[in-house]
Amino acid sequence: MKTDLHPKFFAETNATCACGATFIVGSTKEKIEVEICSQCHPFYTGTDKVLDTAGRVERFKTRAAAASKVGKSAKVNKLNKEENKQKSAKKDK
């Protein structure tokens, strides 16, 4: 086997974000600089903006809500059919 195949691992590497936040992480690099982190990313901070063109997001939400209603009613109908089958089977006995 080859010796010294893997790079040196630094257990306490400073990762610095462009926003100024610093984190201590493990890495094969001594110093890491990133552009965005969990403290400044819009998804994690709740400041994300949805760019909606032609009401697509609203249409999706209404279709998803309608589909969930249909799915629930279909399950209820299926359960009712099974119960009716069981009742008719008991009557036949």
PDB file of N, CA and C in Angstrom:
ATOM      1  N   MET A   1       0.822  -1.186   0.000  1.00  0.00           N
ATOM      2  CA  MET A   1       0.000   0.000   0.000  1.00  0.00           C
ATOM      3  C   MET A   1       0.862   1.244   0.000  1.00  0.00           C
ATOM      4  N   LYS A   2       0.316   2.296  -0.570  1.00  0.00           N
ATOM      5  CA  LYS A   2       1.044   3.558  -0.588  1.00  0.00           C
ATOM      6  C   LYS A   2       0.948   4.235   0.777  1.00  0.00           C
ATOM      7  N   THR A   3       2.018   4.854   1.175  1.00  0.00           N
ATOM      8  CA  THR A   3       2.012   5.605   2.424  1.00  0.00           C
ATOM      9  C   THR A   3       1.780   7.081   2.103  1.00  0.00           C
ATOM     10  N   ASP A   4       1.272   7.796   3.073  1.00  0.00           N
ATOM     11  CA  ASP A   4       0.984   9.237   2.937  1.00  0.00           C
ATOM     12  C   ASP A   4       0.064   9.524   1.753  1.00  0.00           C
ATOM     13  N   LEU A   5      -0.962   8.710   1.588  1.00  0.00           N
ATOM     14  CA  LEU A   5      -1.897   8.860   0.484  1.00  0.00           C
ATOM     15  C   LEU A   5      -2.938   9.956   0.770  1.00  0.00           C
ATOM     16  N   HIS A   6      -3.393  10.044   2.013  1.00  0.00           N
ATOM     17  CA  HIS A   6      -4.440  11.000   2.367  1.00  0.00           C
ATOM     18  C   HIS A   6      -3.859  12.333   2.796  1.00  0.00           C
ATOM     19  N   PRO A   7      -4.582  13.428   2.524  1.00  0.00           N
ATOM     20  CA  PRO A   7      -4.091  14.741   2.955  1.00  0.00           C
ATOM     21  C   PRO A   7      -4.186  14.895   4.465  1.00  0.00           C
ATOM     22  N   LYS A   8      -3.466  15.872   4.995  1.00  0.00           N
ATOM     23  CA  LYS A   8      -3.477  16.146   6.430  1.00  0.00           C
ATOM     24  C   LYS A   8      -4.834  16.724   6.816  1.00  0.00           C
ATOM     25  N   PHE A   9      -5.410  16.267   7.931  1.00  0.00           N
ATOM     26  CA  PHE A   9      -6.715  16.719   8.401  1.00  0.00           C
ATOM     27  C   PHE A   9      -6.517  17.696   9.549  1.00  0.00           C
ATOM     28  N   PHE A  10      -7.176  18.856   9.437  1.00  0.00           N
ATOM     29  CA  PHE A  10      -7.136  19.868  10.480  1.00  0.00           C
ATOM     30  C   PHE A  10      -8.469  19.820  11.221  1.00  0.00           C
ATOM     31  N   ALA A  11      -8.437  19.465  12.487  1.00  0.00           N
ATOM     32  CA  ALA A  11      -9.671  19.297  13.252  1.00  0.00           C
ATOM     33  C   ALA A  11     -10.319  20.635  13.604  1.00  0.00           C
ATOM     34  N   GLU A  12      -9.540  21.674  13.733  1.00  0.00           N
ATOM     35  CA  GLU A  12     -10.074  22.987  14.097  1.00  0.00           C
ATOM     36  C   GLU A  12      -9.720  24.013  13.026  1.00  0.00           C
ATOM     37  N   THR A  13     -10.471  23.986  11.931  1.00  0.00           N
ATOM     38  CA  THR A  13     -10.279  24.928  10.840  1.00  0.00           C
ATOM     39  C   THR A  13     -11.285  26.056  10.994  1.00  0.00           C
ATOM     40  N   ASN A  14     -10.836  27.289  10.823  1.00  0.00           N
ATOM     41  CA  ASN A  14     -11.731  28.435  10.882  1.00  0.00           C
ATOM     42  C   ASN A  14     -12.354  28.649   9.510  1.00  0.00           C
ATOM     43  N   ALA A  15     -13.677  28.611   9.464  1.00  0.00           N
ATOM     44  CA  ALA A  15     -14.413  28.924   8.246  1.00  0.00           C
ATOM     45  C   ALA A  15     -15.023  30.300   8.438  1.00  0.00           C
ATOM     46  N   THR A  16     -14.689  31.241   7.550  1.00  0.00           N
ATOM     47  CA  THR A  16     -15.159  32.608   7.661  1.00  0.00           C
ATOM     48  C   THR A  16     -16.091  32.921   6.503  1.00  0.00           C
ATOM     49  N   CYS A  17     -17.242  33.492   6.825  1.00  0.00           N
ATOM     50  CA  CYS A  17     -18.227  33.862   5.803  1.00  0.00           C
ATOM     51  C   CYS A  17     -18.035  35.333   5.430  1.00  0.00           C
ATOM     52  N   ALA A  18     -18.563  35.716   4.286  1.00  0.00           N
ATOM     53  CA  ALA A  18     -18.496  37.098   3.840  1.00  0.00           C
ATOM     54  C   ALA A  18     -19.278  38.022   4.770  1.00  0.00           C
ATOM     55  N   CYS A  19     -20.275  37.488   5.475  1.00  0.00           N
ATOM     56  CA  CYS A  19     -21.070  38.302   6.405  1.00  0.00           C
ATOM     57  C   CYS A  19     -20.335  38.549   7.713  1.00  0.00           C
ATOM     58  N   GLY A  20     -19.244  37.842   7.948  1.00  0.00           N
ATOM     59  CA  GLY A  20     -18.459  38.033   9.157  1.00  0.00           C
ATOM     60  C   GLY A  20     -18.577  36.901  10.154  1.00  0.00           C
ATOM     61  N   ALA A  21     -19.454  35.983   9.928  1.00  0.00           N
ATOM     62  CA  ALA A  21     -19.621  34.853  10.842  1.00  0.00           C
ATOM     63  C   ALA A  21     -18.445  33.892  10.687  1.00  0.00           C
ATOM     64  N   THR A  22     -18.025  33.315  11.815  1.00  0.00           N
ATOM     65  CA  THR A  22     -16.942  32.342  11.779  1.00  0.00           C
ATOM     66  C   THR A  22     -17.411  31.060  12.445  1.00  0.00           C
ATOM     67  N   PHE A  23     -16.950  29.953  11.895  1.00  0.00           N
ATOM     68  CA  PHE A  23     -17.283  28.634  12.411  1.00  0.00           C
ATOM     69  C   PHE A  23     -16.007  27.831  12.525  1.00  0.00           C
ATOM     70  N   ILE A  24     -15.966  26.928  13.482  1.00  0.00           N
ATOM     71  CA  ILE A  24     -14.845  26.001  13.596  1.00  0.00           C
ATOM     72  C   ILE A  24     -15.324  24.660  13.078  1.00  0.00           C
ATOM     73  N   VAL A  25     -14.653  24.165  12.041  1.00  0.00           N
ATOM     74  CA  VAL A  25     -15.032  22.917  11.398  1.00  0.00           C
ATOM     75  C   VAL A  25     -13.789  22.069  11.181  1.00  0.00           C
ATOM     76  N   GLY A  26     -13.985  20.837  10.794  1.00  0.00           N
ATOM     77  CA  GLY A  26     -12.878  19.974  10.432  1.00  0.00           C
ATOM     78  C   GLY A  26     -12.712  19.972   8.927  1.00  0.00           C
ATOM     79  N   SER A  27     -11.480  20.062   8.451  1.00  0.00           N
ATOM     80  CA  SER A  27     -11.247  20.131   7.005  1.00  0.00           C
ATOM     81  C   SER A  27      -9.815  19.730   6.667  1.00  0.00           C
ATOM     82  N   THR A  28      -9.581  19.558   5.391  1.00  0.00           N
ATOM     83  CA  THR A  28      -8.220  19.286   4.933  1.00  0.00           C
ATOM     84  C   THR A  28      -7.498  20.575   4.566  1.00  0.00           C
ATOM     85  N   LYS A  29      -8.185  21.706   4.709  1.00  0.00           N
ATOM     86  CA  LYS A  29      -7.563  23.019   4.474  1.00  0.00           C
ATOM     87  C   LYS A  29      -7.407  23.729   5.810  1.00  0.00           C
ATOM     88  N   GLU A  30      -6.395  24.563   5.931  1.00  0.00           N
ATOM     89  CA  GLU A  30      -6.155  25.262   7.188  1.00  0.00           C
ATOM     90  C   GLU A  30      -7.136  26.407   7.397  1.00  0.00           C
ATOM     91  N   LYS A  31      -7.585  27.048   6.311  1.00  0.00           N
ATOM     92  CA  LYS A  31      -8.462  28.197   6.408  1.00  0.00           C
ATOM     93  C   LYS A  31      -9.479  28.131   5.275  1.00  0.00           C
ATOM     94  N   ILE A  32     -10.765  28.397   5.592  1.00  0.00           N
ATOM     95  CA  ILE A  32     -11.811  28.348   4.579  1.00  0.00           C
ATOM     96  C   ILE A  32     -12.550  29.684   4.580  1.00  0.00           C
ATOM     97  N   GLU A  33     -12.779  30.239   3.395  1.00  0.00           N
ATOM     98  CA  GLU A  33     -13.569  31.452   3.244  1.00  0.00           C
ATOM     99  C   GLU A  33     -14.742  31.134   2.327  1.00  0.00           C
ATOM    100  N   VAL A  34     -15.965  31.401   2.819  1.00  0.00           N
ATOM    101  CA  VAL A  34     -17.170  31.122   2.032  1.00  0.00           C
ATOM    102  C   VAL A  34     -17.934  32.414   1.788  1.00  0.00           C
ATOM    103  N   GLU A  35     -18.796  32.391   0.770  1.00  0.00           N
ATOM    104  CA  GLU A  35     -19.559  33.582   0.422  1.00  0.00           C
ATOM    105  C   GLU A  35     -20.880  33.673   1.180  1.00  0.00           C
ATOM    106  N   ILE A  36     -21.440  32.519   1.540  1.00  0.00           N
ATOM    107  CA  ILE A  36     -22.744  32.506   2.192  1.00  0.00           C
ATOM    108  C   ILE A  36     -22.777  31.365   3.214  1.00  0.00           C
ATOM    109  N   CYS A  37     -23.453  31.610   4.338  1.00  0.00           N
ATOM    110  CA  CYS A  37     -23.525  30.605   5.395  1.00  0.00           C
ATOM    111  C   CYS A  37     -24.952  30.515   5.909  1.00  0.00           C
ATOM    112  N   SER A  38     -25.173  29.711   6.927  1.00  0.00           N
ATOM    113  CA  SER A  38     -26.516  29.521   7.471  1.00  0.00           C
ATOM    114  C   SER A  38     -27.028  30.764   8.189  1.00  0.00           C
ATOM    115  N   GLN A  39     -26.151  31.665   8.586  1.00  0.00           N
ATOM    116  CA  GLN A  39     -26.587  32.877   9.285  1.00  0.00           C
ATOM    117  C   GLN A  39     -26.992  33.989   8.323  1.00  0.00           C
ATOM    118  N   CYS A  40     -26.583  33.900   7.060  1.00  0.00           N
ATOM    119  CA  CYS A  40     -26.944  34.959   6.116  1.00  0.00           C
ATOM    120  C   CYS A  40     -27.697  34.431   4.889  1.00  0.00           C
ATOM    121  N   HIS A  41     -27.887  33.115   4.768  1.00  0.00           N
ATOM    122  CA  HIS A  41     -28.607  32.563   3.627  1.00  0.00           C
ATOM    123  C   HIS A  41     -30.094  32.885   3.761  1.00  0.00           C
ATOM    124  N   PRO A  42     -30.737  33.373   2.694  1.00  0.00           N
ATOM    125  CA  PRO A  42     -32.152  33.765   2.779  1.00  0.00           C
ATOM    126  C   PRO A  42     -33.082  32.635   3.195  1.00  0.00           C
ATOM    127  N   PHE A  43     -32.802  31.417   2.819  1.00  0.00           N
ATOM    128  CA  PHE A  43     -33.675  30.298   3.190  1.00  0.00           C
ATOM    129  C   PHE A  43     -33.693  30.098   4.698  1.00  0.00           C
ATOM    130  N   TYR A  44     -32.534  30.169   5.319  1.00  0.00           N
ATOM    131  CA  TYR A  44     -32.441  29.920   6.750  1.00  0.00           C
ATOM    132  C   TYR A  44     -32.851  31.134   7.591  1.00  0.00           C
ATOM    133  N   THR A  45     -32.695  32.327   7.053  1.00  0.00           N
ATOM    134  CA  THR A  45     -33.053  33.528   7.807  1.00  0.00           C
ATOM    135  C   THR A  45     -34.514  33.903   7.632  1.00  0.00           C
ATOM    136  N   GLY A  46     -35.198  33.297   6.659  1.00  0.00           N
ATOM    137  CA  GLY A  46     -36.609  33.588   6.442  1.00  0.00           C
ATOM    138  C   GLY A  46     -36.856  34.817   5.593  1.00  0.00           C
ATOM    139  N   THR A  47     -35.839  35.322   4.937  1.00  0.00           N
ATOM    140  CA  THR A  47     -36.002  36.508   4.098  1.00  0.00           C
ATOM    141  C   THR A  47     -36.011  36.164   2.616  1.00  0.00           C
ATOM    142  N   ASP A  48     -36.267  34.891   2.303  1.00  0.00           N
ATOM    143  CA  ASP A  48     -36.273  34.506   0.900  1.00  0.00           C
ATOM    144  C   ASP A  48     -37.486  35.099   0.203  1.00  0.00           C
ATOM    145  N   LYS A  49     -37.314  35.436  -1.063  1.00  0.00           N
ATOM    146  CA  LYS A  49     -38.377  36.036  -1.852  1.00  0.00           C
ATOM    147  C   LYS A  49     -38.713  35.091  -2.994  1.00  0.00           C
ATOM    148  N   VAL A  50     -39.997  34.880  -3.194  1.00  0.00           N
ATOM    149  CA  VAL A  50     -40.435  34.021  -4.282  1.00  0.00           C
ATOM    150  C   VAL A  50     -40.769  34.928  -5.458  1.00  0.00           C
ATOM    151  N   LEU A  51     -40.099  34.726  -6.560  1.00  0.00           N
ATOM    152  CA  LEU A  51     -40.360  35.497  -7.759  1.00  0.00           C
ATOM    153  C   LEU A  51     -41.482  34.810  -8.508  1.00  0.00           C
ATOM    154  N   ASP A  52     -42.669  35.379  -8.424  1.00  0.00           N
ATOM    155  CA  ASP A  52     -43.853  34.756  -8.997  1.00  0.00           C
ATOM    156  C   ASP A  52     -44.228  35.463 -10.292  1.00  0.00           C
ATOM    157  N   THR A  53     -44.195  34.725 -11.375  1.00  0.00           N
ATOM    158  CA  THR A  53     -44.619  35.287 -12.650  1.00  0.00           C
ATOM    159  C   THR A  53     -45.901  34.615 -13.063  1.00  0.00           C
ATOM    160  N   ALA A  54     -46.891  35.392 -13.329  1.00  0.00           N
ATOM    161  CA  ALA A  54     -48.196  34.932 -13.812  1.00  0.00           C
ATOM    162  C   ALA A  54     -48.933  34.073 -12.787  1.00  0.00           C
ATOM    163  N   GLY A  55     -48.692  34.300 -11.497  1.00  0.00           N
ATOM    164  CA  GLY A  55     -49.435  33.603 -10.461  1.00  0.00           C
ATOM    165  C   GLY A  55     -49.180  32.116 -10.395  1.00  0.00           C
ATOM    166  N   ARG A  56     -48.008  31.658 -10.773  1.00  0.00           N
ATOM    167  CA  ARG A  56     -47.718  30.225 -10.799  1.00  0.00           C
ATOM    168  C   ARG A  56     -47.703  29.614  -9.406  1.00  0.00           C
ATOM    169  N   VAL A  57     -47.188  30.348  -8.434  1.00  0.00           N
ATOM    170  CA  VAL A  57     -47.123  29.812  -7.080  1.00  0.00           C
ATOM    171  C   VAL A  57     -48.537  29.619  -6.530  1.00  0.00           C
ATOM    172  N   GLU A  58     -49.394  30.607  -6.746  1.00  0.00           N
ATOM    173  CA  GLU A  58     -50.776  30.501  -6.269  1.00  0.00           C
ATOM    174  C   GLU A  58     -51.504  29.350  -6.958  1.00  0.00           C
ATOM    175  N   ARG A  59     -51.295  29.197  -8.264  1.00  0.00           N
ATOM    176  CA  ARG A  59     -51.931  28.099  -8.982  1.00  0.00           C
ATOM    177  C   ARG A  59     -51.472  26.760  -8.435  1.00  0.00           C
ATOM    178  N   PHE A  60     -50.169  26.652  -8.141  1.00  0.00           N
ATOM    179  CA  PHE A  60     -49.643  25.410  -7.585  1.00  0.00           C
ATOM    180  C   PHE A  60     -50.276  25.115  -6.234  1.00  0.00           C
ATOM    181  N   LYS A  61     -50.359  26.136  -5.389  1.00  0.00           N
ATOM    182  CA  LYS A  61     -50.936  25.937  -4.056  1.00  0.00           C
ATOM    183  C   LYS A  61     -52.394  25.513  -4.143  1.00  0.00           C
ATOM    184  N   THR A  62     -53.165  26.109  -5.050  1.00  0.00           N
ATOM    185  CA  THR A  62     -54.574  25.726  -5.173  1.00  0.00           C
ATOM    186  C   THR A  62     -54.708  24.311  -5.714  1.00  0.00           C
ATOM    187  N   ARG A  63     -53.859  23.935  -6.668  1.00  0.00           N
ATOM    188  CA  ARG A  63     -53.907  22.572  -7.198  1.00  0.00           C
ATOM    189  C   ARG A  63     -53.493  21.565  -6.138  1.00  0.00           C
ATOM    190  N   ALA A  64     -52.486  21.901  -5.339  1.00  0.00           N
ATOM    191  CA  ALA A  64     -52.039  20.989  -4.287  1.00  0.00           C
ATOM    192  C   ALA A  64     -53.125  20.818  -3.229  1.00  0.00           C
ATOM    193  N   ALA A  65     -53.810  21.902  -2.885  1.00  0.00           N
ATOM    194  CA  ALA A  65     -54.891  21.813  -1.902  1.00  0.00           C
ATOM    195  C   ALA A  65     -56.041  20.969  -2.448  1.00  0.00           C
ATOM    196  N   ALA A  66     -56.373  21.162  -3.716  1.00  0.00           N
ATOM    197  CA  ALA A  66     -57.454  20.385  -4.322  1.00  0.00           C
ATOM    198  C   ALA A  66     -57.085  18.909  -4.394  1.00  0.00           C
ATOM    199  N   ALA A  67     -55.842  18.627  -4.703  1.00  0.00           N
ATOM    200  CA  ALA A  67     -55.394  17.233  -4.794  1.00  0.00           C
ATOM    201  C   ALA A  67     -55.442  16.557  -3.430  1.00  0.00           C
ATOM    202  N   SER A  68     -55.097  17.282  -2.394  1.00  0.00           N
ATOM    203  CA  SER A  68     -55.137  16.669  -1.059  1.00  0.00           C
ATOM    204  C   SER A  68     -56.579  16.396  -0.640  1.00  0.00           C
ATOM    205  N   LYS A  69     -57.516  17.279  -1.030  1.00  0.00           N
ATOM    206  CA  LYS A  69     -58.924  17.045  -0.715  1.00  0.00           C
ATOM    207  C   LYS A  69     -59.440  15.822  -1.457  1.00  0.00           C
ATOM    208  N   VAL A  70     -59.057  15.698  -2.734  1.00  0.00           N
ATOM    209  CA  VAL A  70     -59.483  14.548  -3.537  1.00  0.00           C
ATOM    210  C   VAL A  70     -58.889  13.271  -2.971  1.00  0.00           C
ATOM    211  N   GLY A  71     -57.638  13.329  -2.568  1.00  0.00           N
ATOM    212  CA  GLY A  71     -56.986  12.152  -1.995  1.00  0.00           C
ATOM    213  C   GLY A  71     -57.667  11.690  -0.728  1.00  0.00           C
ATOM    214  N   LYS A  72     -58.076  12.632   0.117  1.00  0.00           N
ATOM    215  CA  LYS A  72     -58.748  12.272   1.362  1.00  0.00           C
ATOM    216  C   LYS A  72     -60.116  11.672   1.082  1.00  0.00           C
ATOM    217  N   SER A  73     -60.861  12.280   0.148  1.00  0.00           N
ATOM    218  CA  SER A  73     -62.198  11.758  -0.139  1.00  0.00           C
ATOM    219  C   SER A  73     -62.113  10.396  -0.821  1.00  0.00           C
ATOM    220  N   ALA A  74     -61.088  10.172  -1.617  1.00  0.00           N
ATOM    221  CA  ALA A  74     -60.913   8.871  -2.259  1.00  0.00           C
ATOM    222  C   ALA A  74     -60.643   7.795  -1.206  1.00  0.00           C
ATOM    223  N   LYS A  75     -59.873   8.133  -0.188  1.00  0.00           N
ATOM    224  CA  LYS A  75     -59.595   7.174   0.883  1.00  0.00           C
ATOM    225  C   LYS A  75     -60.872   6.848   1.644  1.00  0.00           C
ATOM    226  N   VAL A  76     -61.674   7.874   1.906  1.00  0.00           N
ATOM    227  CA  VAL A  76     -62.930   7.658   2.628  1.00  0.00           C
ATOM    228  C   VAL A  76     -63.852   6.769   1.807  1.00  0.00           C
ATOM    229  N   ASN A  77     -63.946   7.031   0.491  1.00  0.00           N
ATOM    230  CA  ASN A  77     -64.788   6.212  -0.381  1.00  0.00           C
ATOM    231  C   ASN A  77     -64.321   4.764  -0.399  1.00  0.00           C
ATOM    232  N   LYS A  78     -63.023   4.569  -0.422  1.00  0.00           N
ATOM    233  CA  LYS A  78     -62.474   3.216  -0.443  1.00  0.00           C
ATOM    234  C   LYS A  78     -62.824   2.480   0.854  1.00  0.00           C
ATOM    235  N   LEU A  79     -62.696   3.175   1.982  1.00  0.00           N
ATOM    236  CA  LEU A  79     -63.032   2.563   3.267  1.00  0.00           C
ATOM    237  C   LEU A  79     -64.516   2.232   3.330  1.00  0.00           C
ATOM    238  N   ASN A  80     -65.354   3.120   2.816  1.00  0.00           N
ATOM    239  CA  ASN A  80     -66.790   2.868   2.813  1.00  0.00           C
ATOM    240  C   ASN A  80     -67.136   1.653   1.961  1.00  0.00           C
ATOM    241  N   LYS A  81     -66.477   1.504   0.817  1.00  0.00           N
ATOM    242  CA  LYS A  81     -66.717   0.348  -0.046  1.00  0.00           C
ATOM    243  C   LYS A  81     -66.329  -0.949   0.664  1.00  0.00           C
ATOM    244  N   GLU A  82     -65.194  -0.921   1.365  1.00  0.00           N
ATOM    245  CA  GLU A  82     -64.736  -2.114   2.082  1.00  0.00           C
ATOM    246  C   GLU A  82     -65.711  -2.472   3.203  1.00  0.00           C
ATOM    247  N   GLU A  83     -66.208  -1.456   3.912  1.00  0.00           N
ATOM    248  CA  GLU A  83     -67.165  -1.715   4.982  1.00  0.00           C
ATOM    249  C   GLU A  83     -68.455  -2.302   4.413  1.00  0.00           C
ATOM    250  N   ASN A  84     -68.916  -1.783   3.280  1.00  0.00           N
ATOM    251  CA  ASN A  84     -70.137  -2.295   2.648  1.00  0.00           C
ATOM    252  C   ASN A  84     -69.965  -3.743   2.206  1.00  0.00           C
ATOM    253  N   LYS A  85     -68.772  -4.071   1.690  1.00  0.00           N
ATOM    254  CA  LYS A  85     -68.495  -5.449   1.289  1.00  0.00           C
ATOM    255  C   LYS A  85     -68.550  -6.378   2.504  1.00  0.00           C
ATOM    256  N   GLN A  86     -67.968  -5.931   3.610  1.00  0.00           N
ATOM    257  CA  GLN A  86     -67.959  -6.748   4.817  1.00  0.00           C
ATOM    258  C   GLN A  86     -69.366  -6.933   5.365  1.00  0.00           C
ATOM    259  N   LYS A  87     -70.168  -5.885   5.307  1.00  0.00           N
ATOM    260  CA  LYS A  87     -71.547  -5.977   5.783  1.00  0.00           C
ATOM    261  C   LYS A  87     -72.360  -6.934   4.915  1.00  0.00           C
ATOM    262  N   SER A  88     -72.171  -6.833   3.613  1.00  0.00           N
ATOM    263  CA  SER A  88     -72.936  -7.725   2.717  1.00  0.00           C
ATOM    264  C   SER A  88     -72.484  -9.161   2.869  1.00  0.00           C
ATOM    265  N   ALA A  89     -71.208  -9.381   3.159  1.00  0.00           N
ATOM    266  CA  ALA A  89     -70.705 -10.733   3.372  1.00  0.00           C
ATOM    267  C   ALA A  89     -71.308 -11.324   4.651  1.00  0.00           C
ATOM    268  N   LYS A  90     -71.481 -10.513   5.677  1.00  0.00           N
ATOM    269  CA  LYS A  90     -72.082 -10.976   6.929  1.00  0.00           C
ATOM    270  C   LYS A  90     -73.556 -11.308   6.718  1.00  0.00           C
ATOM    271  N   LYS A  91     -74.248 -10.502   5.901  1.00  0.00           N
ATOM    272  CA  LYS A  91     -75.662 -10.757   5.626  1.00  0.00           C
ATOM    273  C   LYS A  91     -75.863 -12.058   4.845  1.00  0.00           C
ATOM    274  N   ASP A  92     -74.926 -12.365   3.928  1.00  0.00           N
ATOM    275  CA  ASP A  92     -75.016 -13.568   3.119  1.00  0.00           C
ATOM    276  C   ASP A  92     -74.823 -14.822   3.955  1.00  0.00           C
ATOM    277  N   LYS A  93     -74.165 -14.724   5.073  1.00  0.00           N
ATOM    278  CA  LYS A  93     -73.877 -15.905   5.905  1.00  0.00           C
ATOM    279  C   LYS A  93     -75.079 -16.282   6.616  1.00  0.00           C
TER     280      LYS A  93
END
